[in-house]
Amino acid sequence: MKLNFYYEMTLTFDFPIKEQFFSLKIEPISDTSQRLYSYEKQILPCDYTCRELDWCGNVKYSGSSIAPHDFFGFVSTGTVFTTSNPVKSIGDIAVYRYPSWYTHISDSMVSFLNSIVVEHFNETLDTLQKATIVMDSLHKYLRYQPLTTSIYTTASESFNLGVGVCQDYSHIFISLLRYLNVPTRYVSGLMYEDGTVRYGATHAWVEVYHDGYWFGYDPTNDCFINEGYIALAKGRDYNDCSVDRGLFKGNTLQQQYINISIKEV
């Protein structure tokens, strides 16, 4: 599928800030599942930007804005070719076998997983079939409910609440599969379905490793990844994939505006 995307984010501040340093992961990935055909970006205000790859292979724009300013934002736009193909694995996958800060598993999660194993697993199932069963069970257990968790909520915390959003679904799913010794990684990006952008913001899903490839799972929607997903960043958890992070000097409140549009061409 050929998709044109437009992703705009603006932060406005009640009082001017200064000496802002930022890191943005807003350029889509190019791999065996999707290919970036054309791309433009604008970051304002900005003294300079440096484009580099992080340790996960994600494109990262780092920069600063030193002078006082009362807004900050970016526009990321371009064309990407997407497929439903798995992603060919490159590099060491060992880091994706172990718990990360967001994905430590709790006793209640282990009990939940053990009940799934006893009731549904058998010797004929491969890794992907087991992952599908876990995803289905998680989707039945967890209820999608915005504003009940935050970007700092861990997998065990959201599991205990029984509610969450895509970040929480993904972290819990990762925790459960890594406990089964299945390499699993977090993906952030955009989701396009039936002519609209789902969720009105970035979305999170999961890739599961099997036999040299990464296969996409969306535990929030209980489905496999298709051509409507545009990946921006991949890593161990949200920490590795945050779209916008940084720091500044100033005592102020801020408001965020997001505008995302995707069109099939």
C-alpha atoms as a PDB file:
ATOM      1  CA  MET A   1       0.000   0.000   0.000  1.00  0.00           C
ATOM      2  CA  LYS A   2       1.264   3.480  -0.842  1.00  0.00           C
ATOM      3  CA  LEU A   3       0.415   6.000   1.879  1.00  0.00           C
ATOM      4  CA  ASN A   4       0.926   9.748   2.137  1.00  0.00           C
ATOM      5  CA  PHE A   5       1.203  10.810   5.763  1.00  0.00           C
ATOM      6  CA  TYR A   6       1.199  14.141   7.575  1.00  0.00           C
ATOM      7  CA  TYR A   7       2.106  14.290  11.265  1.00  0.00           C
ATOM      8  CA  GLU A   8       2.081  17.622  13.087  1.00  0.00           C
ATOM      9  CA  MET A   9       2.703  18.248  16.777  1.00  0.00           C
ATOM     10  CA  THR A  10       2.810  21.614  18.556  1.00  0.00           C
ATOM     11  CA  LEU A  11       3.478  22.431  22.192  1.00  0.00           C
ATOM     12  CA  THR A  12       2.424  25.867  23.445  1.00  0.00           C
ATOM     13  CA  PHE A  13       3.724  27.252  26.740  1.00  0.00           C
ATOM     14  CA  ASP A  14       1.953  29.684  29.078  1.00  0.00           C
ATOM     15  CA  PHE A  15       5.284  31.393  29.772  1.00  0.00           C
ATOM     16  CA  PRO A  16       8.394  31.392  27.577  1.00  0.00           C
ATOM     17  CA  ILE A  17      10.983  28.673  28.044  1.00  0.00           C
ATOM     18  CA  LYS A  18      14.648  28.629  27.045  1.00  0.00           C
ATOM     19  CA  GLU A  19      17.628  26.307  26.560  1.00  0.00           C
ATOM     20  CA  GLN A  20      15.473  23.512  25.172  1.00  0.00           C
ATOM     21  CA  PHE A  21      17.166  20.308  24.033  1.00  0.00           C
ATOM     22  CA  PHE A  22      15.084  17.723  22.190  1.00  0.00           C
ATOM     23  CA  SER A  23      15.163  14.273  20.624  1.00  0.00           C
ATOM     24  CA  LEU A  24      12.538  13.321  18.023  1.00  0.00           C
ATOM     25  CA  LYS A  25      11.746   9.969  16.415  1.00  0.00           C
ATOM     26  CA  ILE A  26       9.367  11.068  13.684  1.00  0.00           C
ATOM     27  CA  GLU A  27      10.823   9.606  10.466  1.00  0.00           C
ATOM     28  CA  PRO A  28       9.333   6.251   9.388  1.00  0.00           C
ATOM     29  CA  ILE A  29      11.577   3.210   9.345  1.00  0.00           C
ATOM     30  CA  SER A  30      12.719   1.576   6.107  1.00  0.00           C
ATOM     31  CA  ASP A  31      13.038  -2.216   6.311  1.00  0.00           C
ATOM     32  CA  THR A  32      11.704  -5.347   4.614  1.00  0.00           C
ATOM     33  CA  SER A  33       8.146  -4.522   5.685  1.00  0.00           C
ATOM     34  CA  GLN A  34       7.943  -0.847   4.699  1.00  0.00           C
ATOM     35  CA  ARG A  35       9.988   1.558   2.603  1.00  0.00           C
ATOM     36  CA  LEU A  36      10.168   5.320   2.911  1.00  0.00           C
ATOM     37  CA  TYR A  37       9.835   6.800  -0.582  1.00  0.00           C
ATOM     38  CA  SER A  38       9.966  10.529   0.153  1.00  0.00           C
ATOM     39  CA  TYR A  39      10.277  12.540   3.344  1.00  0.00           C
ATOM     40  CA  GLU A  40      10.347  16.118   4.617  1.00  0.00           C
ATOM     41  CA  LYS A  41      10.403  17.504   8.121  1.00  0.00           C
ATOM     42  CA  GLN A  42      10.304  20.904   9.790  1.00  0.00           C
ATOM     43  CA  ILE A  43      11.181  21.595  13.428  1.00  0.00           C
ATOM     44  CA  LEU A  44      10.542  25.032  14.953  1.00  0.00           C
ATOM     45  CA  PRO A  45      12.083  26.851  16.703  1.00  0.00           C
ATOM     46  CA  CYS A  46      15.407  25.155  16.160  1.00  0.00           C
ATOM     47  CA  ASP A  47      19.044  26.282  16.242  1.00  0.00           C
ATOM     48  CA  TYR A  48      20.332  23.060  14.678  1.00  0.00           C
ATOM     49  CA  THR A  49      19.424  19.395  14.134  1.00  0.00           C
ATOM     50  CA  CYS A  50      21.538  16.278  13.931  1.00  0.00           C
ATOM     51  CA  ARG A  51      20.163  13.180  12.184  1.00  0.00           C
ATOM     52  CA  GLU A  52      21.528   9.897  13.507  1.00  0.00           C
ATOM     53  CA  LEU A  53      20.556   6.295  14.201  1.00  0.00           C
ATOM     54  CA  ASP A  54      20.037   5.170  17.779  1.00  0.00           C
ATOM     55  CA  TRP A  55      21.190   1.773  19.047  1.00  0.00           C
ATOM     56  CA  CYS A  56      17.887   0.204  17.924  1.00  0.00           C
ATOM     57  CA  GLY A  57      18.310   1.480  14.356  1.00  0.00           C
ATOM     58  CA  ASN A  58      15.673   4.220  14.661  1.00  0.00           C
ATOM     59  CA  VAL A  59      16.207   7.610  13.037  1.00  0.00           C
ATOM     60  CA  LYS A  60      16.621  10.280  15.703  1.00  0.00           C
ATOM     61  CA  TYR A  61      16.713  14.063  15.258  1.00  0.00           C
ATOM     62  CA  SER A  62      18.506  15.834  18.093  1.00  0.00           C
ATOM     63  CA  GLY A  63      18.766  19.586  18.467  1.00  0.00           C
ATOM     64  CA  SER A  64      18.245  22.654  20.581  1.00  0.00           C
ATOM     65  CA  SER A  65      16.547  26.031  20.810  1.00  0.00           C
ATOM     66  CA  ILE A  66      18.408  28.282  23.222  1.00  0.00           C
ATOM     67  CA  ALA A  67      16.598  31.632  22.952  1.00  0.00           C
ATOM     68  CA  PRO A  68      13.295  32.178  24.845  1.00  0.00           C
ATOM     69  CA  HIS A  69      10.242  30.833  22.991  1.00  0.00           C
ATOM     70  CA  ASP A  70       6.597  30.078  23.774  1.00  0.00           C
ATOM     71  CA  PHE A  71       5.999  27.186  21.397  1.00  0.00           C
ATOM     72  CA  PHE A  72       7.762  24.147  19.941  1.00  0.00           C
ATOM     73  CA  GLY A  73       6.676  21.762  17.242  1.00  0.00           C
ATOM     74  CA  PHE A  74       7.362  19.706  14.171  1.00  0.00           C
ATOM     75  CA  VAL A  75       5.797  18.628  10.895  1.00  0.00           C
ATOM     76  CA  SER A  76       6.755  15.211   9.528  1.00  0.00           C
ATOM     77  CA  THR A  77       5.384  14.339   6.091  1.00  0.00           C
ATOM     78  CA  GLY A  78       6.099  11.996   3.223  1.00  0.00           C
ATOM     79  CA  THR A  79       5.197   8.847   1.335  1.00  0.00           C
ATOM     80  CA  VAL A  80       5.755   5.298   2.521  1.00  0.00           C
ATOM     81  CA  PHE A  81       5.155   1.914   0.903  1.00  0.00           C
ATOM     82  CA  THR A  82       3.785  -0.553   3.450  1.00  0.00           C
ATOM     83  CA  THR A  83       3.273  -4.318   3.329  1.00  0.00           C
ATOM     84  CA  SER A  84       2.050  -7.021   5.673  1.00  0.00           C
ATOM     85  CA  ASN A  85       5.360  -8.884   5.312  1.00  0.00           C
ATOM     86  CA  PRO A  86       7.388  -9.824   8.385  1.00  0.00           C
ATOM     87  CA  VAL A  87      10.591  -7.881   9.045  1.00  0.00           C
ATOM     88  CA  LYS A  88      13.855  -9.705   8.391  1.00  0.00           C
ATOM     89  CA  SER A  89      15.896  -9.730  11.591  1.00  0.00           C
ATOM     90  CA  ILE A  90      19.233  -7.906  11.594  1.00  0.00           C
ATOM     91  CA  GLY A  91      21.635  -7.915  14.534  1.00  0.00           C
ATOM     92  CA  ASP A  92      21.501  -9.417  18.006  1.00  0.00           C
ATOM     93  CA  ILE A  93      18.056 -10.229  19.408  1.00  0.00           C
ATOM     94  CA  ALA A  94      19.176 -11.211  22.913  1.00  0.00           C
ATOM     95  CA  VAL A  95      18.207  -7.857  24.451  1.00  0.00           C
ATOM     96  CA  TYR A  96      14.582  -8.489  23.500  1.00  0.00           C
ATOM     97  CA  ARG A  97      14.414 -11.656  25.616  1.00  0.00           C
ATOM     98  CA  TYR A  98      14.773  -9.922  28.968  1.00  0.00           C
ATOM     99  CA  PRO A  99      12.539  -7.622  31.044  1.00  0.00           C
ATOM    100  CA  SER A 100      13.009  -3.882  30.648  1.00  0.00           C
ATOM    101  CA  TRP A 101      11.940  -1.083  32.983  1.00  0.00           C
ATOM    102  CA  TYR A 102       8.327  -1.120  31.751  1.00  0.00           C
ATOM    103  CA  THR A 103       7.995  -4.870  31.256  1.00  0.00           C
ATOM    104  CA  HIS A 104       8.900  -6.604  34.515  1.00  0.00           C
ATOM    105  CA  ILE A 105       6.355  -9.335  35.124  1.00  0.00           C
ATOM    106  CA  SER A 106       4.362  -9.653  38.369  1.00  0.00           C
ATOM    107  CA  ASP A 107       3.144 -12.753  40.207  1.00  0.00           C
ATOM    108  CA  SER A 108      -0.422 -12.100  39.088  1.00  0.00           C
ATOM    109  CA  MET A 109       0.726 -11.907  35.463  1.00  0.00           C
ATOM    110  CA  VAL A 110       2.600 -15.197  35.827  1.00  0.00           C
ATOM    111  CA  SER A 111      -0.557 -16.838  37.218  1.00  0.00           C
ATOM    112  CA  PHE A 112      -2.552 -15.432  34.302  1.00  0.00           C
ATOM    113  CA  LEU A 113       0.003 -16.790  31.833  1.00  0.00           C
ATOM    114  CA  ASN A 114       0.183 -20.200  33.497  1.00  0.00           C
ATOM    115  CA  SER A 115      -3.576 -20.588  33.173  1.00  0.00           C
ATOM    116  CA  ILE A 116      -3.293 -19.867  29.452  1.00  0.00           C
ATOM    117  CA  VAL A 117      -0.489 -22.409  29.049  1.00  0.00           C
ATOM    118  CA  VAL A 118      -2.408 -25.134  30.897  1.00  0.00           C
ATOM    119  CA  GLU A 119      -5.681 -24.514  29.084  1.00  0.00           C
ATOM    120  CA  HIS A 120      -4.554 -23.787  25.531  1.00  0.00           C
ATOM    121  CA  PHE A 121      -0.936 -24.786  24.818  1.00  0.00           C
ATOM    122  CA  ASN A 122       0.184 -28.130  23.399  1.00  0.00           C
ATOM    123  CA  GLU A 123       3.315 -29.566  21.797  1.00  0.00           C
ATOM    124  CA  THR A 124       2.117 -28.944  18.224  1.00  0.00           C
ATOM    125  CA  LEU A 125       1.984 -25.153  18.579  1.00  0.00           C
ATOM    126  CA  ASP A 126       4.804 -22.992  17.258  1.00  0.00           C
ATOM    127  CA  THR A 127       5.906 -19.636  18.668  1.00  0.00           C
ATOM    128  CA  LEU A 128       3.518 -17.554  16.553  1.00  0.00           C
ATOM    129  CA  GLN A 129       0.514 -19.705  17.404  1.00  0.00           C
ATOM    130  CA  LYS A 130       1.309 -19.436  21.107  1.00  0.00           C
ATOM    131  CA  ALA A 131       1.701 -15.667  20.771  1.00  0.00           C
ATOM    132  CA  THR A 132      -1.712 -15.467  19.099  1.00  0.00           C
ATOM    133  CA  ILE A 133      -3.335 -17.354  21.957  1.00  0.00           C
ATOM    134  CA  VAL A 134      -1.704 -15.065  24.521  1.00  0.00           C
ATOM    135  CA  MET A 135      -2.819 -11.990  22.554  1.00  0.00           C
ATOM    136  CA  ASP A 136      -6.417 -13.241  22.371  1.00  0.00           C
ATOM    137  CA  SER A 137      -6.478 -13.960  26.107  1.00  0.00           C
ATOM    138  CA  LEU A 138      -4.997 -10.569  26.979  1.00  0.00           C
ATOM    139  CA  HIS A 139      -7.522  -8.785  24.787  1.00  0.00           C
ATOM    140  CA  LYS A 140     -10.352 -10.505  26.649  1.00  0.00           C
ATOM    141  CA  TYR A 141      -8.868  -9.600  30.027  1.00  0.00           C
ATOM    142  CA  LEU A 142      -7.835  -5.962  29.538  1.00  0.00           C
ATOM    143  CA  ARG A 143     -10.342  -3.186  28.823  1.00  0.00           C
ATOM    144  CA  TYR A 144      -9.402  -0.249  26.611  1.00  0.00           C
ATOM    145  CA  GLN A 145      -9.973   2.923  28.626  1.00  0.00           C
ATOM    146  CA  PRO A 146      -8.106   6.191  27.957  1.00  0.00           C
ATOM    147  CA  LEU A 147      -6.992   8.501  30.782  1.00  0.00           C
ATOM    148  CA  THR A 148      -6.681   5.678  33.306  1.00  0.00           C
ATOM    149  CA  THR A 149      -2.922   5.189  32.841  1.00  0.00           C
ATOM    150  CA  SER A 150      -0.018   7.445  31.864  1.00  0.00           C
ATOM    151  CA  ILE A 151       3.157   7.152  29.821  1.00  0.00           C
ATOM    152  CA  TYR A 152       4.901   6.135  33.057  1.00  0.00           C
ATOM    153  CA  THR A 153       2.588   3.199  33.876  1.00  0.00           C
ATOM    154  CA  THR A 154       4.338  -0.168  33.854  1.00  0.00           C
ATOM    155  CA  ALA A 155       2.990  -3.464  32.562  1.00  0.00           C
ATOM    156  CA  SER A 156       2.327  -4.839  36.036  1.00  0.00           C
ATOM    157  CA  GLU A 157       0.515  -1.673  37.124  1.00  0.00           C
ATOM    158  CA  SER A 158      -1.841  -1.613  34.140  1.00  0.00           C
ATOM    159  CA  PHE A 159      -2.422  -5.369  34.412  1.00  0.00           C
ATOM    160  CA  ASN A 160      -3.509  -4.959  38.026  1.00  0.00           C
ATOM    161  CA  LEU A 161      -5.853  -2.144  37.000  1.00  0.00           C
ATOM    162  CA  GLY A 162      -7.352  -4.266  34.222  1.00  0.00           C
ATOM    163  CA  VAL A 163      -7.551  -1.236  31.931  1.00  0.00           C
ATOM    164  CA  GLY A 164      -5.231   0.732  29.690  1.00  0.00           C
ATOM    165  CA  VAL A 165      -4.382   1.987  26.234  1.00  0.00           C
ATOM    166  CA  CYS A 166      -2.188   0.718  23.412  1.00  0.00           C
ATOM    167  CA  GLN A 167       1.045   1.335  25.329  1.00  0.00           C
ATOM    168  CA  ASP A 168      -0.240  -0.787  28.212  1.00  0.00           C
ATOM    169  CA  TYR A 169      -1.527  -3.604  25.982  1.00  0.00           C
ATOM    170  CA  SER A 170       1.857  -3.732  24.263  1.00  0.00           C
ATOM    171  CA  HIS A 171       3.920  -3.696  27.457  1.00  0.00           C
ATOM    172  CA  ILE A 172       1.857  -6.479  29.033  1.00  0.00           C
ATOM    173  CA  PHE A 173       1.997  -8.596  25.880  1.00  0.00           C
ATOM    174  CA  ILE A 174       5.772  -8.151  25.746  1.00  0.00           C
ATOM    175  CA  SER A 175       6.111  -9.115  29.418  1.00  0.00           C
ATOM    176  CA  LEU A 176       4.134 -12.313  28.978  1.00  0.00           C
ATOM    177  CA  LEU A 177       5.984 -13.467  25.866  1.00  0.00           C
ATOM    178  CA  ARG A 178       9.441 -12.649  27.231  1.00  0.00           C
ATOM    179  CA  TYR A 179       8.588 -14.762  30.264  1.00  0.00           C
ATOM    180  CA  LEU A 180       8.116 -17.598  27.756  1.00  0.00           C
ATOM    181  CA  ASN A 181      11.606 -16.776  26.416  1.00  0.00           C
ATOM    182  CA  VAL A 182      10.217 -15.334  23.182  1.00  0.00           C
ATOM    183  CA  PRO A 183      12.119 -12.258  21.881  1.00  0.00           C
ATOM    184  CA  THR A 184       9.594  -9.456  21.599  1.00  0.00           C
ATOM    185  CA  ARG A 185       9.892  -5.736  20.864  1.00  0.00           C
ATOM    186  CA  TYR A 186       7.797  -2.581  21.125  1.00  0.00           C
ATOM    187  CA  VAL A 187       6.795  -0.550  18.055  1.00  0.00           C
ATOM    188  CA  SER A 188       5.409   2.981  17.887  1.00  0.00           C
ATOM    189  CA  GLY A 189       3.866   4.471  14.776  1.00  0.00           C
ATOM    190  CA  LEU A 190       0.696   5.426  12.972  1.00  0.00           C
ATOM    191  CA  MET A 191      -2.351   3.316  12.176  1.00  0.00           C
ATOM    192  CA  TYR A 192      -4.598   3.842   9.152  1.00  0.00           C
ATOM    193  CA  GLU A 193      -7.914   2.021   8.786  1.00  0.00           C
ATOM    194  CA  ASP A 194     -10.998   2.556   6.636  1.00  0.00           C
ATOM    195  CA  GLY A 195      -9.813   5.952   5.442  1.00  0.00           C
ATOM    196  CA  THR A 196      -9.105   7.373   8.896  1.00  0.00           C
ATOM    197  CA  VAL A 197      -6.258   7.612  11.403  1.00  0.00           C
ATOM    198  CA  ARG A 198      -7.023   5.420  14.408  1.00  0.00           C
ATOM    199  CA  TYR A 199      -6.744   6.965  17.881  1.00  0.00           C
ATOM    200  CA  GLY A 200      -5.920  10.476  16.574  1.00  0.00           C
ATOM    201  CA  ALA A 201      -2.316  10.091  17.718  1.00  0.00           C
ATOM    202  CA  THR A 202       0.523   7.598  17.584  1.00  0.00           C
ATOM    203  CA  HIS A 203      -0.263   3.930  18.152  1.00  0.00           C
ATOM    204  CA  ALA A 204       1.763   1.124  19.741  1.00  0.00           C
ATOM    205  CA  TRP A 205       2.019  -2.530  18.789  1.00  0.00           C
ATOM    206  CA  VAL A 206       4.436  -5.462  19.118  1.00  0.00           C
ATOM    207  CA  GLU A 207       6.762  -7.568  16.971  1.00  0.00           C
ATOM    208  CA  VAL A 208       7.413 -11.213  17.852  1.00  0.00           C
ATOM    209  CA  TYR A 209      10.575 -12.990  16.703  1.00  0.00           C
ATOM    210  CA  HIS A 210      10.354 -16.362  14.977  1.00  0.00           C
ATOM    211  CA  ASP A 211      12.760 -18.157  12.655  1.00  0.00           C
ATOM    212  CA  GLY A 212      14.746 -15.118  11.530  1.00  0.00           C
ATOM    213  CA  TYR A 213      11.845 -12.685  11.143  1.00  0.00           C
ATOM    214  CA  TRP A 214       9.775 -10.279  13.243  1.00  0.00           C
ATOM    215  CA  PHE A 215       5.992 -10.689  12.972  1.00  0.00           C
ATOM    216  CA  GLY A 216       3.637  -7.854  13.895  1.00  0.00           C
ATOM    217  CA  TYR A 217       0.867  -8.205  16.484  1.00  0.00           C
ATOM    218  CA  ASP A 218      -1.571  -5.539  17.666  1.00  0.00           C
ATOM    219  CA  PRO A 219      -2.835  -6.663  21.094  1.00  0.00           C
ATOM    220  CA  THR A 220      -5.019  -3.560  21.471  1.00  0.00           C
ATOM    221  CA  ASN A 221      -7.113  -4.610  18.468  1.00  0.00           C
ATOM    222  CA  ASP A 222      -6.435  -8.351  18.744  1.00  0.00           C
ATOM    223  CA  CYS A 223      -5.130  -8.589  15.177  1.00  0.00           C
ATOM    224  CA  PHE A 224      -2.010  -8.987  13.066  1.00  0.00           C
ATOM    225  CA  ILE A 225      -0.225  -6.025  11.521  1.00  0.00           C
ATOM    226  CA  ASN A 226      -1.307  -5.185   7.979  1.00  0.00           C
ATOM    227  CA  GLU A 227      -0.540  -2.531   5.365  1.00  0.00           C
ATOM    228  CA  GLY A 228      -2.273   0.169   7.392  1.00  0.00           C
ATOM    229  CA  TYR A 229       0.548   0.450   9.944  1.00  0.00           C
ATOM    230  CA  ILE A 230       3.481   2.883   9.603  1.00  0.00           C
ATOM    231  CA  ALA A 231       6.343   2.147  12.020  1.00  0.00           C
ATOM    232  CA  LEU A 232       8.297   5.114  13.414  1.00  0.00           C
ATOM    233  CA  ALA A 233      10.472   3.432  16.055  1.00  0.00           C
ATOM    234  CA  LYS A 234      11.200   0.027  17.574  1.00  0.00           C
ATOM    235  CA  GLY A 235      12.853  -0.993  20.842  1.00  0.00           C
ATOM    236  CA  ARG A 236      12.607  -2.767  24.178  1.00  0.00           C
ATOM    237  CA  ASP A 237       9.659  -0.651  25.390  1.00  0.00           C
ATOM    238  CA  TYR A 238       8.233   2.877  25.294  1.00  0.00           C
ATOM    239  CA  ASN A 239      11.505   4.332  26.552  1.00  0.00           C
ATOM    240  CA  ASP A 240      13.261   3.395  23.311  1.00  0.00           C
ATOM    241  CA  CYS A 241      10.428   4.615  21.078  1.00  0.00           C
ATOM    242  CA  SER A 242       9.161   7.897  22.523  1.00  0.00           C
ATOM    243  CA  VAL A 243       8.366  10.328  19.697  1.00  0.00           C
ATOM    244  CA  ASP A 244       9.311  13.497  21.561  1.00  0.00           C
ATOM    245  CA  ARG A 245      11.534  13.846  24.595  1.00  0.00           C
ATOM    246  CA  GLY A 246      13.887  16.446  26.005  1.00  0.00           C
ATOM    247  CA  LEU A 247      14.313  19.154  28.607  1.00  0.00           C
ATOM    248  CA  PHE A 248      14.174  22.944  28.949  1.00  0.00           C
ATOM    249  CA  LYS A 249      14.514  25.725  31.488  1.00  0.00           C
ATOM    250  CA  GLY A 250      11.341  27.470  32.591  1.00  0.00           C
ATOM    251  CA  ASN A 251       8.359  27.351  34.931  1.00  0.00           C
ATOM    252  CA  THR A 252       5.284  26.950  32.757  1.00  0.00           C
ATOM    253  CA  LEU A 253       2.269  24.869  31.809  1.00  0.00           C
ATOM    254  CA  GLN A 254       2.026  23.399  28.326  1.00  0.00           C
ATOM    255  CA  GLN A 255      -0.703  22.315  25.915  1.00  0.00           C
ATOM    256  CA  GLN A 256      -0.227  19.810  23.118  1.00  0.00           C
ATOM    257  CA  TYR A 257      -1.854  19.876  19.683  1.00  0.00           C
ATOM    258  CA  ILE A 258      -1.616  16.869  17.340  1.00  0.00           C
ATOM    259  CA  ASN A 259      -2.817  16.629  13.746  1.00  0.00           C
ATOM    260  CA  ILE A 260      -2.301  13.393  11.797  1.00  0.00           C
ATOM    261  CA  SER A 261      -3.643  12.526   8.370  1.00  0.00           C
ATOM    262  CA  ILE A 262      -2.965   9.509   6.164  1.00  0.00           C
ATOM    263  CA  LYS A 263      -4.225   9.000   2.617  1.00  0.00           C
ATOM    264  CA  GLU A 264      -3.889   6.024   0.325  1.00  0.00           C
ATOM    265  CA  VAL A 265      -2.514   6.934  -3.114  1.00  0.00           C
END
